Structures are given as structure tokens and as C-alpha cells.
Amino acid sequence: MRFLMVHRVDEADPVAWNPTPEFIEQMGEFIEDWTKRGILITAEGVHPSERGAKVRKARNQAISSVDGPFTEAKEVIGGFALVNAKDKAEAVALAKEYAALFDEIEVEVREIVEFHDLPE
């Protein structure tokens, strides 16, 4: 099974957007370990919302977009990982391993919809 792990960070926390060389090295080792073990499919960090945009489509309305920063949100997506796990319990355990790398973080774990999960 595949799971998406999305981590959220405080948009206003400069530490969240400026990792130390030590953290970068630690994250590199972590990614290498999970890759060798067949856990990690891909993982990426993202820039702050000031470098992003939101696109919205409401029923019977035109598509709109707005550039960041997204001032209404205190916590924003800081990055994601796509992982292999046998079930949700294992995915949550992996998310805890991942969260342990940070001083403060929230990680949301979501199972990926596979083709065989779709109704006929």
C-alpha cells in the first residue's frame, strides 16, 4: 500500500524554512535509509506559500487563482513523502519516525487510492 505523508509547518517560523547543515545531513541519511529499505518512493520539501498560488473552482463559477502568501493559514505544507507500508498502522509508525527528526511538526498520513480501490 502507498501512503502520502504531508508535513505542516508554521509559516512564520524562519527555522522551518532555513534548515541547518546538520539537519540537511540528518535528513539525507534518513532518506537514504528509507530508500534502501524500499519504504520511500519520493520526498520533497516545498518553498513558503509566498512562492505558491491557490487555484479554486466552485460549482457553476469560473476558475480563480490567488498568489501566496496565504495569510489565513498559520500552518502550511512544508513538504511531503510518498511511502510504501503494509497498512495504516505501519504508515503511522513511519510518520512518527519522520516526525522525530524535527523539533515541532505535524504529519498527516493519507492512504493513496489505488486503481483496484475504485468502484467498477
Protein backbone atom coordinates (compact mmCIF):
# COMPACT_ATOMS: atom_id res chain seq x y z
CA MET A 1 0.00 0.00 0.00
CA ARG A 2 1.10 3.54 -0.63
CA PHE A 3 0.63 6.43 1.78
CA LEU A 4 1.14 10.15 1.44
CA MET A 5 2.73 11.87 4.42
CA VAL A 6 2.27 15.65 4.31
CA HIS A 7 4.03 17.71 6.91
CA ARG A 8 2.86 21.11 8.01
CA VAL A 9 4.99 23.86 9.49
CA ASP A 10 4.38 27.29 10.95
CA GLU A 11 4.53 29.71 8.02
CA ALA A 12 6.06 32.43 10.22
CA ASP A 13 8.80 30.24 11.74
CA PRO A 14 12.06 31.09 9.94
CA VAL A 15 13.68 27.88 11.25
CA ALA A 16 11.13 25.81 9.29
CA TRP A 17 12.32 27.39 6.02
CA ASN A 18 16.05 27.58 6.76
CA PRO A 19 17.31 24.15 7.81
CA THR A 20 20.74 23.88 9.36
CA PRO A 21 23.52 21.97 7.59
CA GLU A 22 23.26 19.37 10.37
CA PHE A 23 19.54 18.89 9.73
CA ILE A 24 20.12 18.60 5.98
CA GLU A 25 22.75 15.91 6.60
CA GLN A 26 20.45 14.07 9.03
CA MET A 27 17.57 14.22 6.53
CA GLY A 28 19.85 12.95 3.75
CA GLU A 29 20.82 9.93 5.86
CA PHE A 30 17.18 9.31 6.72
CA ILE A 31 16.12 9.45 3.05
CA GLU A 32 18.97 7.14 2.05
CA ASP A 33 17.96 4.62 4.74
CA TRP A 34 14.28 4.61 3.76
CA THR A 35 15.20 4.34 0.07
CA LYS A 36 17.48 1.32 0.68
CA ARG A 37 14.74 -0.32 2.77
CA GLY A 38 12.15 0.16 0.00
CA ILE A 39 9.98 2.46 2.12
CA LEU A 40 10.46 5.78 0.33
CA ILE A 41 9.05 6.36 -3.15
CA THR A 42 9.73 10.11 -3.21
CA ALA A 43 10.02 13.03 -0.80
CA GLU A 44 10.31 16.75 -1.32
CA GLY A 45 10.24 19.96 0.67
CA VAL A 46 8.41 22.97 -0.71
CA HIS A 47 9.05 26.71 -0.60
CA PRO A 48 6.94 29.01 1.63
CA SER A 49 3.47 29.93 0.35
CA GLU A 50 4.69 33.32 -0.88
CA ARG A 51 6.13 31.37 -3.82
CA GLY A 52 2.88 29.49 -4.44
CA ALA A 53 -0.67 30.00 -5.61
CA LYS A 54 -4.13 28.57 -4.98
CA VAL A 55 -6.48 27.67 -7.81
CA ARG A 56 -10.16 27.26 -6.98
CA LYS A 57 -13.20 26.09 -8.94
CA ALA A 58 -16.60 26.49 -7.30
CA ARG A 59 -19.72 24.89 -8.74
CA ASN A 60 -21.08 26.93 -11.68
CA GLN A 61 -18.35 29.55 -11.31
CA ALA A 62 -15.21 30.47 -13.18
CA ILE A 63 -11.86 29.13 -12.07
CA SER A 64 -9.94 31.64 -9.97
CA SER A 65 -6.39 31.82 -8.68
CA VAL A 66 -4.65 33.82 -6.00
CA ASP A 67 -0.93 34.13 -5.33
CA GLY A 68 0.56 33.44 -1.91
CA PRO A 69 1.37 34.12 0.81
CA PHE A 70 -1.71 32.54 2.33
CA THR A 71 -2.19 34.79 5.33
CA GLU A 72 -5.32 32.97 6.54
CA ALA A 73 -3.28 29.84 7.27
CA LYS A 74 -0.88 29.67 10.21
CA GLU A 75 0.35 26.21 9.27
CA VAL A 76 1.17 25.40 5.66
CA ILE A 77 2.54 22.41 3.79
CA GLY A 78 6.30 22.24 4.24
CA GLY A 79 6.84 19.05 2.27
CA PHE A 80 5.65 15.54 1.56
CA ALA A 81 6.77 11.94 1.27
CA LEU A 82 5.19 9.07 -0.63
CA VAL A 83 5.92 5.78 1.12
CA ASN A 84 5.24 2.07 0.94
CA ALA A 85 3.69 0.50 4.06
CA LYS A 86 1.77 -2.73 4.68
CA ASP A 87 -1.10 -0.88 6.40
CA LYS A 88 -2.12 2.37 8.11
CA ALA A 89 -0.56 1.33 11.43
CA GLU A 90 2.83 0.89 9.77
CA ALA A 91 2.41 4.21 7.90
CA VAL A 92 1.67 5.99 11.19
CA ALA A 93 4.76 4.37 12.76
CA LEU A 94 6.82 5.64 9.82
CA ALA A 95 5.33 9.12 10.23
CA LYS A 96 6.42 9.06 13.88
CA GLU A 97 9.98 8.15 12.81
CA TYR A 98 9.88 11.05 10.36
CA ALA A 99 8.43 13.49 12.90
CA ALA A 100 11.22 12.62 15.35
CA LEU A 101 13.67 14.44 13.05
CA PHE A 102 12.01 17.79 13.80
CA ASP A 103 11.60 19.94 16.92
CA GLU A 104 7.97 20.71 16.07
CA ILE A 105 5.89 19.30 13.21
CA GLU A 106 2.52 17.87 12.24
CA VAL A 107 2.43 14.97 9.77
CA GLU A 108 -0.83 13.95 8.08
CA VAL A 109 -0.95 10.37 6.79
CA ARG A 110 -3.32 9.52 3.91
CA GLU A 111 -3.73 6.24 2.05
CA ILE A 112 -3.39 6.56 -1.72
CA VAL A 113 -6.38 5.45 -3.80
CA GLU A 114 -5.24 2.57 -5.98
CA PHE A 115 -6.95 1.59 -9.23
CA HIS A 116 -8.35 -1.59 -7.63
CA ASP A 117 -9.99 0.57 -4.91
CA LEU A 118 -12.25 2.28 -7.44
CA PRO A 119 -15.82 1.05 -7.96
CA GLU A 120 -16.43 -0.97 -11.11
